[in-house]
């Protein structure tokens, strides 16, 4: 019974921390676009061709 006086505040602190981390992630935009990450892993992005580099004039 005496251990509950120790365990209940600790469990409440863990719950408060988890809720705080969840709201921090939502505010930071972590869950804005859930489909993009799955598509990015499955489909390779096509490489964009780079413009040819012109040689520098050597004077």
Protein backbone atom coordinates (compact mmCIF):
# COMPACT_ATOMS: atom_id res chain seq x y z
CA UNK A 1 0.00 0.00 0.00
CA UNK A 2 2.81 2.41 0.80
CA UNK A 3 4.36 1.76 -2.60
CA UNK A 4 1.30 3.31 -4.25
CA UNK A 5 2.23 6.68 -2.76
CA UNK A 6 5.44 6.39 -4.76
CA UNK A 7 4.14 4.75 -7.95
CA UNK A 8 1.06 6.90 -8.61
CA UNK A 9 2.95 10.23 -8.86
CA UNK A 10 5.60 8.61 -11.05
CA UNK A 11 2.97 7.18 -13.40
CA UNK A 12 1.19 10.55 -13.55
CA UNK A 13 4.50 12.21 -14.44
CA UNK A 14 5.06 9.70 -17.27
CA UNK A 15 1.55 10.31 -18.62
CA UNK A 16 2.05 14.08 -18.49
CA UNK A 17 5.39 13.70 -20.28
CA UNK A 18 3.84 11.51 -22.99
CA UNK A 19 0.99 13.98 -23.55
CA UNK A 20 3.47 16.86 -23.70
CA UNK A 21 5.63 15.05 -26.26
CA UNK A 22 2.57 14.23 -28.35
CA UNK A 23 1.42 17.87 -28.49
CA UNK A 24 4.99 18.97 -29.21
CA UNK A 25 5.14 16.59 -32.19
CA UNK A 26 1.76 17.76 -33.49
CA UNK A 27 2.76 21.41 -33.15
CA UNK A 28 6.05 20.69 -34.94
CA UNK A 29 4.22 19.24 -37.97
CA UNK A 30 5.22 15.62 -37.46
CA UNK A 31 1.78 14.33 -38.45
CA UNK A 32 0.94 16.79 -41.24
CA UNK A 33 1.46 14.48 -44.21
CA UNK A 34 1.36 10.80 -43.34
CA UNK A 35 1.18 9.48 -46.92
CA UNK A 36 4.26 11.23 -48.31
CA UNK A 37 6.78 9.27 -46.25
CA UNK A 38 5.32 5.93 -47.31
CA UNK A 39 5.35 6.93 -50.96
CA UNK A 40 8.86 8.33 -50.75
CA UNK A 41 10.18 5.01 -49.49
CA UNK A 42 8.39 2.93 -52.13
CA UNK A 43 8.99 5.04 -55.21
CA UNK A 44 12.36 6.37 -56.23
CA UNK A 45 12.55 9.98 -57.22
CA UNK A 46 13.69 10.55 -60.75
CA UNK A 47 17.07 12.21 -61.00
CA UNK A 48 16.83 15.64 -62.57
CA UNK A 49 19.34 16.21 -65.36
CA UNK A 50 21.90 18.84 -64.53
CA UNK A 51 22.79 21.61 -66.93
CA UNK A 52 26.14 21.04 -68.65
CA UNK A 53 28.95 23.04 -67.14
CA UNK A 54 30.82 25.40 -69.39
CA UNK A 55 34.63 25.36 -69.16
CA UNK A 56 36.16 28.42 -67.62
CA UNK A 57 38.30 30.65 -69.82
CA UNK A 58 41.96 30.25 -69.08
CA UNK A 59 43.78 33.50 -69.84
